[in-house]
Amino acid sequence: QVHLVESGGGSVQAGGSLRLSCAASGATYTTSCMAWFRQAPGKEREGVATIDSIGGPTYANSVKGRFTISKDSAKSTLYLQMNSLKPEDTAMYYCAADLLCHGNDYKYWGQGTQVTVSS
């Protein structure tokens, strides 16, 4: 079992930055892939970024060049640096983990952290 806890959300103005963190605990050796997802009110959950031990990070087109995903394996912590934030980035952000990076159906999920960007 893997336990994920996100933090770092908040309210910022457009153009600002936030860094999200996701602390993982438990059987983290079973999860080579970690990812960030987000869900805005009335919208479907969408993938934001992934990172695994095989390939490089991947990003949704909507965040490329603005967001950076990284992982500190020693601390079992996943990060999402978000720069040049836009109002459309407003959503609940979730950390997810699984053995492989694949679609949206990850085995482990955090509780989410809210990001609100005002214009």
C-alpha atoms as a PDB file:
ATOM      1  CA  GLN A   1       0.000   0.000   0.000  1.00  0.00           C
ATOM      2  CA  VAL A   2       1.213   3.514  -0.822  1.00  0.00           C
ATOM      3  CA  HIS A   3       0.018   6.657   0.927  1.00  0.00           C
ATOM      4  CA  LEU A   4       0.212   9.999  -0.902  1.00  0.00           C
ATOM      5  CA  VAL A   5      -0.195  13.411   0.685  1.00  0.00           C
ATOM      6  CA  GLU A   6      -0.206  16.598  -1.389  1.00  0.00           C
ATOM      7  CA  SER A   7       0.581  20.074  -0.140  1.00  0.00           C
ATOM      8  CA  GLY A   8       1.495  23.482  -1.489  1.00  0.00           C
ATOM      9  CA  GLY A   9      -1.758  24.577  -3.064  1.00  0.00           C
ATOM     10  CA  GLY A  10      -3.147  28.049  -2.578  1.00  0.00           C
ATOM     11  CA  SER A  11      -4.421  31.191  -4.242  1.00  0.00           C
ATOM     12  CA  VAL A  12      -2.257  33.277  -6.547  1.00  0.00           C
ATOM     13  CA  GLN A  13      -2.714  35.922  -9.192  1.00  0.00           C
ATOM     14  CA  ALA A  14      -2.223  35.174 -12.857  1.00  0.00           C
ATOM     15  CA  GLY A  15       1.448  35.080 -13.733  1.00  0.00           C
ATOM     16  CA  GLY A  16       2.408  33.827 -10.300  1.00  0.00           C
ATOM     17  CA  SER A  17       4.023  30.579  -9.221  1.00  0.00           C
ATOM     18  CA  LEU A  18       3.330  27.719  -6.858  1.00  0.00           C
ATOM     19  CA  ARG A  19       5.173  24.520  -6.024  1.00  0.00           C
ATOM     20  CA  LEU A  20       3.141  21.459  -5.147  1.00  0.00           C
ATOM     21  CA  SER A  21       4.596  18.596  -3.159  1.00  0.00           C
ATOM     22  CA  CYS A  22       3.458  15.006  -2.802  1.00  0.00           C
ATOM     23  CA  ALA A  23       4.956  12.966   0.021  1.00  0.00           C
ATOM     24  CA  ALA A  24       4.815   9.220  -0.564  1.00  0.00           C
ATOM     25  CA  SER A  25       5.054   6.571   2.118  1.00  0.00           C
ATOM     26  CA  GLY A  26       4.582   2.835   2.411  1.00  0.00           C
ATOM     27  CA  ALA A  27       5.495   0.430  -0.374  1.00  0.00           C
ATOM     28  CA  THR A  28       6.907   3.112  -2.670  1.00  0.00           C
ATOM     29  CA  TYR A  29       9.205   0.552  -4.300  1.00  0.00           C
ATOM     30  CA  THR A  30       6.110  -0.766  -6.119  1.00  0.00           C
ATOM     31  CA  THR A  31       5.482   2.540  -7.892  1.00  0.00           C
ATOM     32  CA  SER A  32       7.946   3.498 -10.608  1.00  0.00           C
ATOM     33  CA  CYS A  33       5.597   6.078 -12.087  1.00  0.00           C
ATOM     34  CA  MET A  34       4.266   9.173 -10.387  1.00  0.00           C
ATOM     35  CA  ALA A  35       1.973  11.739 -11.900  1.00  0.00           C
ATOM     36  CA  TRP A  36       0.012  14.909 -11.340  1.00  0.00           C
ATOM     37  CA  PHE A  37      -3.606  15.221 -12.381  1.00  0.00           C
ATOM     38  CA  ARG A  38      -6.080  18.040 -11.988  1.00  0.00           C
ATOM     39  CA  GLN A  39      -9.820  18.440 -12.034  1.00  0.00           C
ATOM     40  CA  ALA A  40     -11.695  21.691 -12.362  1.00  0.00           C
ATOM     41  CA  PRO A  41     -15.349  22.024 -11.322  1.00  0.00           C
ATOM     42  CA  GLY A  42     -17.619  20.546 -13.963  1.00  0.00           C
ATOM     43  CA  LYS A  43     -14.726  19.134 -15.959  1.00  0.00           C
ATOM     44  CA  GLU A  44     -13.157  15.732 -16.296  1.00  0.00           C
ATOM     45  CA  ARG A  45      -9.931  14.899 -14.559  1.00  0.00           C
ATOM     46  CA  GLU A  46      -6.933  15.481 -16.817  1.00  0.00           C
ATOM     47  CA  GLY A  47      -3.338  14.421 -16.679  1.00  0.00           C
ATOM     48  CA  VAL A  48      -0.854  17.219 -16.116  1.00  0.00           C
ATOM     49  CA  ALA A  49       2.554  15.533 -15.961  1.00  0.00           C
ATOM     50  CA  THR A  50       4.217  12.181 -15.370  1.00  0.00           C
ATOM     51  CA  ILE A  51       7.656  11.017 -14.345  1.00  0.00           C
ATOM     52  CA  ASP A  52       9.123   7.526 -14.150  1.00  0.00           C
ATOM     53  CA  SER A  53      12.438   5.745 -13.897  1.00  0.00           C
ATOM     54  CA  ILE A  54      12.567   4.793 -17.583  1.00  0.00           C
ATOM     55  CA  GLY A  55      11.786   7.786 -19.752  1.00  0.00           C
ATOM     56  CA  GLY A  56      11.811  11.495 -19.291  1.00  0.00           C
ATOM     57  CA  PRO A  57       8.965  13.551 -17.897  1.00  0.00           C
ATOM     58  CA  THR A  58       5.847  14.096 -19.960  1.00  0.00           C
ATOM     59  CA  TYR A  59       3.512  17.079 -19.905  1.00  0.00           C
ATOM     60  CA  ALA A  60       0.082  18.002 -21.116  1.00  0.00           C
ATOM     61  CA  ASN A  61       0.267  20.490 -23.975  1.00  0.00           C
ATOM     62  CA  SER A  62      -1.566  23.046 -21.860  1.00  0.00           C
ATOM     63  CA  VAL A  63       1.259  23.208 -19.295  1.00  0.00           C
ATOM     64  CA  LYS A  64       4.378  22.605 -21.393  1.00  0.00           C
ATOM     65  CA  GLY A  65       7.002  25.252 -20.811  1.00  0.00           C
ATOM     66  CA  ARG A  66       5.281  26.463 -17.627  1.00  0.00           C
ATOM     67  CA  PHE A  67       5.192  23.430 -15.309  1.00  0.00           C
ATOM     68  CA  THR A  68       8.056  21.188 -14.254  1.00  0.00           C
ATOM     69  CA  ILE A  69       7.651  17.795 -12.597  1.00  0.00           C
ATOM     70  CA  SER A  70      10.466  16.404 -10.509  1.00  0.00           C
ATOM     71  CA  LYS A  71      11.076  13.747  -7.900  1.00  0.00           C
ATOM     72  CA  ASP A  72      13.384  13.474  -4.918  1.00  0.00           C
ATOM     73  CA  SER A  73      13.719   9.719  -4.499  1.00  0.00           C
ATOM     74  CA  ALA A  74      15.663  10.042  -1.253  1.00  0.00           C
ATOM     75  CA  LYS A  75      12.718  11.911   0.272  1.00  0.00           C
ATOM     76  CA  SER A  76      10.061   9.953  -1.629  1.00  0.00           C
ATOM     77  CA  THR A  77       8.580  13.268  -2.649  1.00  0.00           C
ATOM     78  CA  LEU A  78       7.137  14.388  -5.958  1.00  0.00           C
ATOM     79  CA  TYR A  79       7.032  18.045  -6.947  1.00  0.00           C
ATOM     80  CA  LEU A  80       5.240  20.188  -9.485  1.00  0.00           C
ATOM     81  CA  GLN A  81       6.702  23.628 -10.056  1.00  0.00           C
ATOM     82  CA  MET A  82       4.050  25.775 -11.679  1.00  0.00           C
ATOM     83  CA  ASN A  83       5.080  29.087 -13.234  1.00  0.00           C
ATOM     84  CA  SER A  84       3.203  31.658 -15.290  1.00  0.00           C
ATOM     85  CA  LEU A  85      -0.049  30.433 -13.839  1.00  0.00           C
ATOM     86  CA  LYS A  86      -3.263  31.188 -15.665  1.00  0.00           C
ATOM     87  CA  PRO A  87      -6.872  31.298 -14.407  1.00  0.00           C
ATOM     88  CA  GLU A  88      -7.544  28.146 -16.421  1.00  0.00           C
ATOM     89  CA  ASP A  89      -5.040  26.316 -14.220  1.00  0.00           C
ATOM     90  CA  THR A  90      -7.506  26.615 -11.352  1.00  0.00           C
ATOM     91  CA  ALA A  91      -8.357  23.097 -10.196  1.00  0.00           C
ATOM     92  CA  MET A  92      -7.897  20.488  -7.533  1.00  0.00           C
ATOM     93  CA  TYR A  93      -4.515  18.908  -8.119  1.00  0.00           C
ATOM     94  CA  TYR A  94      -3.943  15.254  -7.324  1.00  0.00           C
ATOM     95  CA  CYS A  95      -0.818  13.174  -7.008  1.00  0.00           C
ATOM     96  CA  ALA A  96      -0.998   9.599  -8.309  1.00  0.00           C
ATOM     97  CA  ALA A  97       1.320   6.606  -8.403  1.00  0.00           C
ATOM     98  CA  ASP A  98       1.466   3.208 -10.034  1.00  0.00           C
ATOM     99  CA  LEU A  99       3.948   0.690 -11.356  1.00  0.00           C
ATOM    100  CA  LEU A 100       3.749   2.138 -14.876  1.00  0.00           C
ATOM    101  CA  CYS A 101       2.603   5.423 -16.332  1.00  0.00           C
ATOM    102  CA  HIS A 102      -0.686   4.750 -18.113  1.00  0.00           C
ATOM    103  CA  GLY A 103      -3.862   6.675 -18.828  1.00  0.00           C
ATOM    104  CA  ASN A 104      -5.838   7.948 -15.880  1.00  0.00           C
ATOM    105  CA  ASP A 105      -6.460   4.786 -13.877  1.00  0.00           C
ATOM    106  CA  TYR A 106      -3.664   4.899 -11.330  1.00  0.00           C
ATOM    107  CA  LYS A 107      -3.622   2.592  -8.343  1.00  0.00           C
ATOM    108  CA  TYR A 108      -2.825   5.168  -5.652  1.00  0.00           C
ATOM    109  CA  TRP A 109      -4.162   8.685  -5.244  1.00  0.00           C
ATOM    110  CA  GLY A 110      -3.695  11.529  -2.805  1.00  0.00           C
ATOM    111  CA  GLN A 111      -6.501  13.619  -1.371  1.00  0.00           C
ATOM    112  CA  GLY A 112      -5.735  16.636  -3.538  1.00  0.00           C
ATOM    113  CA  THR A 113      -4.670  20.225  -3.003  1.00  0.00           C
ATOM    114  CA  GLN A 114      -6.576  23.223  -4.354  1.00  0.00           C
ATOM    115  CA  VAL A 115      -4.967  25.715  -6.706  1.00  0.00           C
ATOM    116  CA  THR A 116      -6.839  28.921  -7.471  1.00  0.00           C
ATOM    117  CA  VAL A 117      -5.514  31.464  -9.963  1.00  0.00           C
ATOM    118  CA  SER A 118      -7.217  34.825 -10.164  1.00  0.00           C
ATOM    119  CA  SER A 119      -7.031  37.215 -13.106  1.00  0.00           C
END
